[in-house]
Amino acid sequence: MSVRPARPPATPLDLTPAQVRIAQKVAEGKSTEAISADLTITAGTINVQMQHCGQKLGVRGRAAVVHACYVTGQLNCPEKAVFPGFFSDAEVETWRMIAMGATSTVYAGRARISRDEALQRIRALRERVRAGNDPHLVTLGWMYEVLDESLIETLSGTVLRVPAQI
């Protein structure tokens, strides 16, 4: 039986300053319309630039782009905070799946739950931590130290490279 070798760590391409500005707004949970108004660019430009960010980082989806930006040091990590209470194993699993770029269908399959249950878990976690959307949920995961640079493998098979500490 052959074992497929793991994909080598990705060498992420640096995002442009404009892409970093857009990714930061996405990480804050802003909608495309709000970002468009803030940066005076079209919604189409935002969507194309986020797609380019994903291609450069080797990930799919805005939440995975935000996580990859934190891991690779292209966005500054949010200031750490303490959440009142604790997070269940299911909540941590939900957070990790979203950060890895999982769709609700993929999450359901991996967790061996129904798609409806996966969607319910995602909605419940968003409500509990007051996240506006999945990219914002990823930022809050970093803030509450549920997510960190130890989660480097994405569902696309890309292994993110953590920058060397100086």
N, C-alpha and C. Protein backbone atom coordinates (compact mmCIF):
# COMPACT_ATOMS: atom_id res chain seq x y z
N MET A 1 0.85 -1.18 0.00
CA MET A 1 0.00 0.00 0.00
C MET A 1 0.89 1.24 0.00
N SER A 2 0.67 2.09 -0.97
CA SER A 2 1.49 3.29 -1.06
C SER A 2 0.84 4.43 -0.28
N VAL A 3 1.67 5.24 0.27
CA VAL A 3 1.19 6.40 1.02
C VAL A 3 1.58 7.64 0.22
N ARG A 4 0.61 8.48 -0.03
CA ARG A 4 0.89 9.71 -0.77
C ARG A 4 1.68 10.66 0.13
N PRO A 5 2.82 11.14 -0.34
CA PRO A 5 3.60 12.05 0.50
C PRO A 5 2.84 13.36 0.72
N ALA A 6 3.08 13.94 1.88
CA ALA A 6 2.44 15.22 2.18
C ALA A 6 2.97 16.28 1.23
N ARG A 7 2.10 17.20 0.88
CA ARG A 7 2.51 18.31 0.02
C ARG A 7 3.49 19.17 0.81
N PRO A 8 4.58 19.60 0.18
CA PRO A 8 5.56 20.42 0.90
C PRO A 8 4.94 21.76 1.31
N PRO A 9 5.53 22.38 2.33
CA PRO A 9 5.00 23.67 2.75
C PRO A 9 4.96 24.66 1.60
N ALA A 10 3.90 25.44 1.56
CA ALA A 10 3.76 26.45 0.52
C ALA A 10 4.70 27.60 0.81
N THR A 11 5.18 28.18 -0.23
CA THR A 11 5.93 29.42 -0.09
C THR A 11 4.96 30.50 -0.53
N PRO A 12 4.26 31.08 0.43
CA PRO A 12 3.24 32.04 0.04
C PRO A 12 3.85 33.26 -0.63
N LEU A 13 3.13 33.73 -1.60
CA LEU A 13 3.54 34.97 -2.24
C LEU A 13 3.04 36.12 -1.38
N ASP A 14 3.83 37.16 -1.29
CA ASP A 14 3.39 38.31 -0.51
C ASP A 14 2.19 38.96 -1.17
N LEU A 15 1.25 39.35 -0.35
CA LEU A 15 0.11 40.10 -0.84
C LEU A 15 0.55 41.53 -1.11
N THR A 16 -0.13 42.17 -2.04
CA THR A 16 0.16 43.58 -2.31
C THR A 16 -0.39 44.41 -1.15
N PRO A 17 0.07 45.64 -1.00
CA PRO A 17 -0.50 46.50 0.05
C PRO A 17 -2.02 46.64 -0.07
N ALA A 18 -2.53 46.73 -1.30
CA ALA A 18 -3.98 46.83 -1.49
C ALA A 18 -4.67 45.56 -1.03
N GLN A 19 -4.10 44.41 -1.33
CA GLN A 19 -4.69 43.14 -0.90
C GLN A 19 -4.68 43.01 0.62
N VAL A 20 -3.61 43.47 1.24
CA VAL A 20 -3.54 43.44 2.71
C VAL A 20 -4.63 44.33 3.31
N ARG A 21 -4.83 45.52 2.73
CA ARG A 21 -5.89 46.42 3.24
C ARG A 21 -7.25 45.74 3.13
N ILE A 22 -7.51 45.09 2.01
CA ILE A 22 -8.79 44.41 1.83
C ILE A 22 -8.90 43.24 2.79
N ALA A 23 -7.85 42.43 2.91
CA ALA A 23 -7.87 41.28 3.82
C ALA A 23 -8.10 41.72 5.27
N GLN A 24 -7.53 42.85 5.65
CA GLN A 24 -7.72 43.35 7.02
C GLN A 24 -9.19 43.70 7.26
N LYS A 25 -9.81 44.34 6.30
CA LYS A 25 -11.22 44.69 6.43
C LYS A 25 -12.08 43.42 6.48
N VAL A 26 -11.75 42.43 5.66
CA VAL A 26 -12.47 41.16 5.69
C VAL A 26 -12.31 40.50 7.05
N ALA A 27 -11.09 40.52 7.60
CA ALA A 27 -10.81 39.93 8.91
C ALA A 27 -11.61 40.60 10.02
N GLU A 28 -11.92 41.87 9.83
CA GLU A 28 -12.71 42.62 10.82
C GLU A 28 -14.19 42.28 10.72
N GLY A 29 -14.56 41.50 9.70
CA GLY A 29 -15.95 41.10 9.54
C GLY A 29 -16.77 42.03 8.67
N LYS A 30 -16.11 42.95 7.99
CA LYS A 30 -16.85 43.89 7.15
C LYS A 30 -17.38 43.21 5.89
N SER A 31 -18.52 43.64 5.46
CA SER A 31 -19.13 43.12 4.24
C SER A 31 -18.42 43.72 3.02
N THR A 32 -18.62 43.10 1.88
CA THR A 32 -18.05 43.61 0.64
C THR A 32 -18.50 45.04 0.40
N GLU A 33 -19.77 45.32 0.65
CA GLU A 33 -20.31 46.67 0.45
C GLU A 33 -19.63 47.68 1.37
N ALA A 34 -19.43 47.30 2.63
CA ALA A 34 -18.78 48.21 3.58
C ALA A 34 -17.32 48.45 3.19
N ILE A 35 -16.64 47.41 2.75
CA ILE A 35 -15.25 47.55 2.32
C ILE A 35 -15.19 48.45 1.09
N SER A 36 -16.12 48.24 0.17
CA SER A 36 -16.19 49.04 -1.04
C SER A 36 -16.32 50.53 -0.69
N ALA A 37 -17.20 50.83 0.25
CA ALA A 37 -17.40 52.21 0.67
C ALA A 37 -16.16 52.76 1.38
N ASP A 38 -15.56 51.95 2.27
CA ASP A 38 -14.37 52.39 3.02
C ASP A 38 -13.19 52.68 2.11
N LEU A 39 -12.96 51.82 1.13
CA LEU A 39 -11.77 51.93 0.29
C LEU A 39 -12.04 52.56 -1.07
N THR A 40 -13.27 52.93 -1.30
CA THR A 40 -13.71 53.52 -2.58
C THR A 40 -13.24 52.71 -3.79
N ILE A 41 -13.54 51.41 -3.73
CA ILE A 41 -13.29 50.51 -4.85
C ILE A 41 -14.57 49.69 -5.06
N THR A 42 -14.69 49.07 -6.20
CA THR A 42 -15.92 48.34 -6.50
C THR A 42 -15.95 46.99 -5.78
N ALA A 43 -17.15 46.48 -5.62
CA ALA A 43 -17.33 45.15 -5.02
C ALA A 43 -16.63 44.10 -5.88
N GLY A 44 -16.69 44.27 -7.19
CA GLY A 44 -16.02 43.34 -8.10
C GLY A 44 -14.52 43.29 -7.87
N THR A 45 -13.93 44.46 -7.65
CA THR A 45 -12.49 44.52 -7.38
C THR A 45 -12.16 43.79 -6.09
N ILE A 46 -12.98 43.97 -5.08
CA ILE A 46 -12.76 43.29 -3.80
C ILE A 46 -12.82 41.78 -3.99
N ASN A 47 -13.83 41.32 -4.70
CA ASN A 47 -13.98 39.88 -4.92
C ASN A 47 -12.80 39.30 -5.69
N VAL A 48 -12.37 40.00 -6.74
CA VAL A 48 -11.23 39.53 -7.53
C VAL A 48 -9.96 39.52 -6.68
N GLN A 49 -9.75 40.58 -5.90
CA GLN A 49 -8.54 40.65 -5.08
C GLN A 49 -8.53 39.56 -4.00
N MET A 50 -9.69 39.26 -3.42
CA MET A 50 -9.75 38.18 -2.43
C MET A 50 -9.46 36.83 -3.08
N GLN A 51 -9.93 36.66 -4.30
CA GLN A 51 -9.64 35.42 -5.03
C GLN A 51 -8.12 35.33 -5.30
N HIS A 52 -7.51 36.44 -5.67
CA HIS A 52 -6.07 36.46 -5.90
C HIS A 52 -5.31 36.17 -4.60
N CYS A 53 -5.81 36.70 -3.48
CA CYS A 53 -5.19 36.41 -2.18
C CYS A 53 -5.20 34.91 -1.92
N GLY A 54 -6.34 34.28 -2.16
CA GLY A 54 -6.45 32.84 -1.96
C GLY A 54 -5.49 32.07 -2.85
N GLN A 55 -5.36 32.50 -4.10
CA GLN A 55 -4.43 31.84 -5.02
C GLN A 55 -2.99 31.99 -4.55
N LYS A 56 -2.63 33.18 -4.11
CA LYS A 56 -1.27 33.41 -3.63
C LYS A 56 -0.96 32.59 -2.38
N LEU A 57 -1.96 32.43 -1.52
CA LEU A 57 -1.75 31.72 -0.26
C LEU A 57 -2.03 30.22 -0.36
N GLY A 58 -2.64 29.80 -1.47
CA GLY A 58 -2.94 28.39 -1.67
C GLY A 58 -4.15 27.90 -0.90
N VAL A 59 -5.12 28.80 -0.69
CA VAL A 59 -6.34 28.45 0.06
C VAL A 59 -7.57 28.90 -0.70
N ARG A 60 -8.72 28.40 -0.26
CA ARG A 60 -9.99 28.80 -0.87
C ARG A 60 -10.93 29.34 0.21
N GLY A 61 -11.57 30.45 -0.10
CA GLY A 61 -12.55 31.03 0.81
C GLY A 61 -11.96 32.13 1.67
N ARG A 62 -12.81 33.09 1.98
CA ARG A 62 -12.34 34.26 2.74
C ARG A 62 -11.86 33.91 4.14
N ALA A 63 -12.54 32.99 4.82
CA ALA A 63 -12.12 32.61 6.16
C ALA A 63 -10.73 31.99 6.13
N ALA A 64 -10.48 31.13 5.15
CA ALA A 64 -9.17 30.50 5.03
C ALA A 64 -8.10 31.52 4.66
N VAL A 65 -8.46 32.52 3.85
CA VAL A 65 -7.52 33.59 3.51
C VAL A 65 -7.12 34.33 4.77
N VAL A 66 -8.09 34.68 5.60
CA VAL A 66 -7.79 35.40 6.85
C VAL A 66 -6.87 34.57 7.73
N HIS A 67 -7.20 33.28 7.90
CA HIS A 67 -6.35 32.42 8.73
C HIS A 67 -4.93 32.34 8.15
N ALA A 68 -4.84 32.13 6.84
CA ALA A 68 -3.52 32.04 6.19
C ALA A 68 -2.73 33.34 6.35
N CYS A 69 -3.41 34.47 6.29
CA CYS A 69 -2.74 35.77 6.49
C CYS A 69 -2.17 35.88 7.89
N TYR A 70 -2.89 35.39 8.89
CA TYR A 70 -2.36 35.42 10.26
C TYR A 70 -1.18 34.46 10.40
N VAL A 71 -1.32 33.25 9.88
CA VAL A 71 -0.26 32.25 10.01
C VAL A 71 1.02 32.73 9.33
N THR A 72 0.89 33.31 8.15
CA THR A 72 2.07 33.71 7.38
C THR A 72 2.58 35.10 7.75
N GLY A 73 1.92 35.76 8.69
CA GLY A 73 2.39 37.06 9.15
C GLY A 73 2.03 38.22 8.23
N GLN A 74 1.12 38.00 7.29
CA GLN A 74 0.75 39.08 6.38
C GLN A 74 -0.29 40.00 6.99
N LEU A 75 -0.97 39.53 8.02
CA LEU A 75 -1.83 40.38 8.85
C LEU A 75 -1.32 40.25 10.28
N ASN A 76 -1.36 41.35 11.02
CA ASN A 76 -1.01 41.29 12.43
C ASN A 76 -2.10 40.55 13.17
N CYS A 77 -1.70 39.66 14.05
CA CYS A 77 -2.68 38.90 14.83
C CYS A 77 -3.43 39.84 15.77
N PRO A 78 -4.70 39.53 16.00
CA PRO A 78 -5.46 40.39 16.91
C PRO A 78 -4.93 40.27 18.34
N GLU A 79 -5.18 41.30 19.11
CA GLU A 79 -4.77 41.30 20.51
C GLU A 79 -5.51 40.18 21.23
N LYS A 80 -4.81 39.45 22.08
CA LYS A 80 -5.39 38.32 22.81
C LYS A 80 -6.41 38.82 23.82
N ALA A 81 -7.45 38.03 24.03
CA ALA A 81 -8.49 38.35 25.00
C ALA A 81 -8.98 37.06 25.63
N VAL A 82 -9.59 37.19 26.77
CA VAL A 82 -10.14 36.02 27.46
C VAL A 82 -11.64 36.02 27.26
N PHE A 83 -12.16 34.89 26.81
CA PHE A 83 -13.60 34.74 26.63
C PHE A 83 -14.17 34.20 27.93
N PRO A 84 -15.29 34.76 28.40
CA PRO A 84 -15.89 34.23 29.64
C PRO A 84 -16.45 32.83 29.37
N GLY A 85 -15.96 31.87 30.07
CA GLY A 85 -16.39 30.49 29.87
C GLY A 85 -15.36 29.73 29.06
N PHE A 86 -15.78 28.57 28.57
CA PHE A 86 -14.87 27.74 27.80
C PHE A 86 -15.55 27.32 26.51
N PHE A 87 -14.77 26.78 25.59
CA PHE A 87 -15.31 26.31 24.33
C PHE A 87 -15.30 24.79 24.31
N SER A 88 -16.40 24.23 23.86
CA SER A 88 -16.52 22.78 23.79
C SER A 88 -15.64 22.23 22.67
N ASP A 89 -15.42 20.93 22.69
CA ASP A 89 -14.66 20.29 21.62
C ASP A 89 -15.33 20.51 20.27
N ALA A 90 -16.66 20.46 20.23
CA ALA A 90 -17.39 20.68 18.97
C ALA A 90 -17.19 22.11 18.47
N GLU A 91 -17.16 23.07 19.37
CA GLU A 91 -16.93 24.46 18.97
C GLU A 91 -15.51 24.65 18.43
N VAL A 92 -14.54 24.05 19.08
CA VAL A 92 -13.15 24.14 18.62
C VAL A 92 -13.03 23.48 17.25
N GLU A 93 -13.65 22.31 17.08
CA GLU A 93 -13.63 21.62 15.79
C GLU A 93 -14.27 22.49 14.71
N THR A 94 -15.36 23.15 15.03
CA THR A 94 -16.04 24.03 14.08
C THR A 94 -15.10 25.16 13.67
N TRP A 95 -14.48 25.79 14.63
CA TRP A 95 -13.55 26.89 14.36
C TRP A 95 -12.42 26.43 13.45
N ARG A 96 -11.83 25.29 13.76
CA ARG A 96 -10.70 24.79 12.97
C ARG A 96 -11.13 24.46 11.54
N MET A 97 -12.29 23.88 11.37
CA MET A 97 -12.76 23.54 10.03
C MET A 97 -12.98 24.80 9.20
N ILE A 98 -13.55 25.82 9.80
CA ILE A 98 -13.77 27.08 9.09
C ILE A 98 -12.43 27.71 8.70
N ALA A 99 -11.47 27.72 9.63
CA ALA A 99 -10.16 28.29 9.34
C ALA A 99 -9.42 27.53 8.25
N MET A 100 -9.69 26.24 8.13
CA MET A 100 -9.05 25.41 7.11
C MET A 100 -9.71 25.57 5.74
N GLY A 101 -10.85 26.26 5.70
CA GLY A 101 -11.52 26.48 4.44
C GLY A 101 -12.62 25.49 4.11
N ALA A 102 -13.13 24.79 5.11
CA ALA A 102 -14.16 23.77 4.87
C ALA A 102 -15.51 24.42 4.58
N THR A 103 -16.21 23.88 3.62
CA THR A 103 -17.61 24.24 3.41
C THR A 103 -18.42 23.48 4.44
N SER A 104 -19.68 23.83 4.59
CA SER A 104 -20.52 23.11 5.55
C SER A 104 -20.65 21.64 5.17
N THR A 105 -20.65 21.35 3.88
CA THR A 105 -20.76 19.96 3.43
C THR A 105 -19.51 19.17 3.79
N VAL A 106 -18.35 19.77 3.56
CA VAL A 106 -17.08 19.11 3.91
C VAL A 106 -16.98 18.93 5.42
N TYR A 107 -17.32 19.96 6.16
CA TYR A 107 -17.31 19.89 7.62
C TYR A 107 -18.20 18.75 8.10
N ALA A 108 -19.41 18.67 7.56
CA ALA A 108 -20.35 17.62 7.95
C ALA A 108 -19.76 16.24 7.69
N GLY A 109 -19.17 16.07 6.53
CA GLY A 109 -18.58 14.78 6.20
C GLY A 109 -17.44 14.39 7.12
N ARG A 110 -16.58 15.34 7.41
CA ARG A 110 -15.43 15.06 8.29
C ARG A 110 -15.86 14.82 9.73
N ALA A 111 -16.89 15.54 10.17
CA ALA A 111 -17.35 15.41 11.56
C ALA A 111 -18.39 14.29 11.71
N ARG A 112 -18.79 13.71 10.58
CA ARG A 112 -19.81 12.66 10.56
C ARG A 112 -21.12 13.13 11.19
N ILE A 113 -21.52 14.31 10.74
CA ILE A 113 -22.80 14.88 11.16
C ILE A 113 -23.54 15.32 9.90
N SER A 114 -24.80 15.67 10.05
CA SER A 114 -25.55 16.13 8.88
C SER A 114 -25.10 17.55 8.51
N ARG A 115 -25.37 17.92 7.28
CA ARG A 115 -25.04 19.28 6.84
C ARG A 115 -25.84 20.29 7.67
N ASP A 116 -27.10 19.98 7.98
CA ASP A 116 -27.91 20.87 8.81
C ASP A 116 -27.28 21.06 10.18
N GLU A 117 -26.76 19.98 10.76
CA GLU A 117 -26.10 20.07 12.06
C GLU A 117 -24.83 20.92 11.95
N ALA A 118 -24.08 20.76 10.86
CA ALA A 118 -22.87 21.57 10.66
C ALA A 118 -23.24 23.05 10.58
N LEU A 119 -24.27 23.36 9.79
CA LEU A 119 -24.71 24.76 9.67
C LEU A 119 -25.18 25.30 11.02
N GLN A 120 -25.88 24.48 11.77
CA GLN A 120 -26.37 24.91 13.09
C GLN A 120 -25.20 25.19 14.02
N ARG A 121 -24.18 24.34 14.00
CA ARG A 121 -23.00 24.56 14.85
C ARG A 121 -22.29 25.85 14.49
N ILE A 122 -22.16 26.10 13.19
CA ILE A 122 -21.49 27.33 12.73
C ILE A 122 -22.29 28.56 13.18
N ARG A 123 -23.61 28.53 12.95
CA ARG A 123 -24.46 29.66 13.37
C ARG A 123 -24.38 29.88 14.87
N ALA A 124 -24.45 28.79 15.64
CA ALA A 124 -24.43 28.90 17.11
C ALA A 124 -23.10 29.49 17.59
N LEU A 125 -22.00 29.07 17.00
CA LEU A 125 -20.70 29.61 17.40
C LEU A 125 -20.59 31.08 17.03
N ARG A 126 -21.04 31.44 15.83
CA ARG A 126 -21.04 32.86 15.43
C ARG A 126 -21.83 33.70 16.42
N GLU A 127 -23.03 33.22 16.79
CA GLU A 127 -23.86 33.97 17.74
C GLU A 127 -23.19 34.06 19.10
N ARG A 128 -22.61 32.97 19.56
CA ARG A 128 -22.02 32.95 20.90
C ARG A 128 -20.89 33.97 21.03
N VAL A 129 -20.07 34.10 19.99
CA VAL A 129 -18.92 35.02 20.07
C VAL A 129 -19.18 36.34 19.36
N ARG A 130 -20.40 36.48 18.83
CA ARG A 130 -20.82 37.70 18.14
C ARG A 130 -19.98 38.00 16.89
N ALA A 131 -19.78 36.97 16.10
CA ALA A 131 -19.05 37.13 14.84
C ALA A 131 -20.04 37.48 13.75
N GLY A 132 -19.68 38.42 12.91
CA GLY A 132 -20.55 38.83 11.82
C GLY A 132 -20.58 37.84 10.66
N ASN A 133 -19.47 37.13 10.48
CA ASN A 133 -19.36 36.18 9.38
C ASN A 133 -18.18 35.25 9.67
N ASP A 134 -17.91 34.32 8.76
CA ASP A 134 -16.84 33.34 9.00
C ASP A 134 -15.44 33.95 9.09
N PRO A 135 -15.07 34.90 8.21
CA PRO A 135 -13.73 35.49 8.38
C PRO A 135 -13.58 36.18 9.74
N HIS A 136 -14.63 36.85 10.20
CA HIS A 136 -14.59 37.49 11.52
C HIS A 136 -14.50 36.43 12.61
N LEU A 137 -15.16 35.29 12.41
CA LEU A 137 -15.09 34.19 13.36
C LEU A 137 -13.65 33.69 13.48
N VAL A 138 -12.94 33.63 12.36
CA VAL A 138 -11.52 33.23 12.39
C VAL A 138 -10.71 34.23 13.20
N THR A 139 -10.93 35.51 12.98
CA THR A 139 -10.21 36.54 13.75
C THR A 139 -10.48 36.37 15.25
N LEU A 140 -11.73 36.14 15.60
CA LEU A 140 -12.07 35.94 17.02
C LEU A 140 -11.43 34.66 17.56
N GLY A 141 -11.32 33.64 16.72
CA GLY A 141 -10.63 32.41 17.13
C GLY A 141 -9.18 32.68 17.48
N TRP A 142 -8.53 33.54 16.72
CA TRP A 142 -7.16 33.94 17.05
C TRP A 142 -7.14 34.78 18.32
N MET A 143 -8.10 35.68 18.45
CA MET A 143 -8.15 36.55 19.62
C MET A 143 -8.32 35.74 20.91
N TYR A 144 -9.19 34.71 20.86
CA TYR A 144 -9.45 33.88 22.04
C TYR A 144 -8.50 32.69 22.15
N GLU A 145 -7.49 32.66 21.31
CA GLU A 145 -6.43 31.65 21.32
C GLU A 145 -6.95 30.23 21.09
N VAL A 146 -8.03 30.12 20.33
CA VAL A 146 -8.51 28.81 19.90
C VAL A 146 -7.75 28.42 18.64
N LEU A 147 -7.44 29.41 17.81
CA LEU A 147 -6.67 29.21 16.59
C LEU A 147 -5.29 29.83 16.77
N ASP A 148 -4.31 29.21 16.13
CA ASP A 148 -2.95 29.76 16.15
C ASP A 148 -2.17 29.18 14.99
N GLU A 149 -0.87 29.47 14.97
CA GLU A 149 -0.05 29.03 13.84
C GLU A 149 0.20 27.53 13.82
N SER A 150 -0.30 26.78 14.79
CA SER A 150 -0.15 25.33 14.74
C SER A 150 -1.08 24.71 13.69
N LEU A 151 -2.13 25.42 13.30
CA LEU A 151 -3.05 24.92 12.27
C LEU A 151 -2.53 25.41 10.92
N ILE A 152 -1.66 24.60 10.31
CA ILE A 152 -1.00 25.05 9.09
C ILE A 152 -1.45 24.29 7.85
N GLU A 153 -2.16 23.19 8.01
CA GLU A 153 -2.60 22.43 6.84
C GLU A 153 -4.02 22.83 6.48
N THR A 154 -4.22 23.14 5.21
CA THR A 154 -5.54 23.54 4.76
C THR A 154 -6.21 22.39 4.02
N LEU A 155 -7.49 22.51 3.79
CA LEU A 155 -8.21 21.46 3.09
C LEU A 155 -7.78 21.33 1.64
N SER A 156 -7.19 22.37 1.09
CA SER A 156 -6.71 22.30 -0.29
C SER A 156 -5.42 21.49 -0.39
N GLY A 157 -4.86 21.12 0.77
CA GLY A 157 -3.60 20.37 0.79
C GLY A 157 -2.38 21.24 0.98
N THR A 158 -2.58 22.54 0.96
CA THR A 158 -1.47 23.47 1.16
C THR A 158 -1.04 23.40 2.63
N VAL A 159 0.26 23.42 2.85
CA VAL A 159 0.80 23.53 4.19
C VAL A 159 1.40 24.93 4.29
N LEU A 160 0.83 25.74 5.16
CA LEU A 160 1.27 27.13 5.31
C LEU A 160 2.61 27.17 6.03
N ARG A 161 3.44 28.07 5.62
CA ARG A 161 4.75 28.23 6.26
C ARG A 161 4.70 29.39 7.24
N VAL A 162 5.02 29.07 8.48
CA VAL A 162 5.06 30.09 9.52
C VAL A 162 6.38 30.84 9.37
N PRO A 163 6.33 32.19 9.38
CA PRO A 163 7.58 32.94 9.24
C PRO A 163 8.52 32.67 10.42
N ALA A 164 9.81 32.70 10.14
CA ALA A 164 10.81 32.48 11.19
C ALA A 164 10.73 33.62 12.20
N GLN A 165 10.85 33.27 13.46
CA GLN A 165 10.85 34.27 14.52
C GLN A 165 12.24 34.89 14.63
N ILE A 166 12.26 36.20 14.73
CA ILE A 166 13.56 36.90 14.80
C ILE A 166 13.91 37.15 16.24
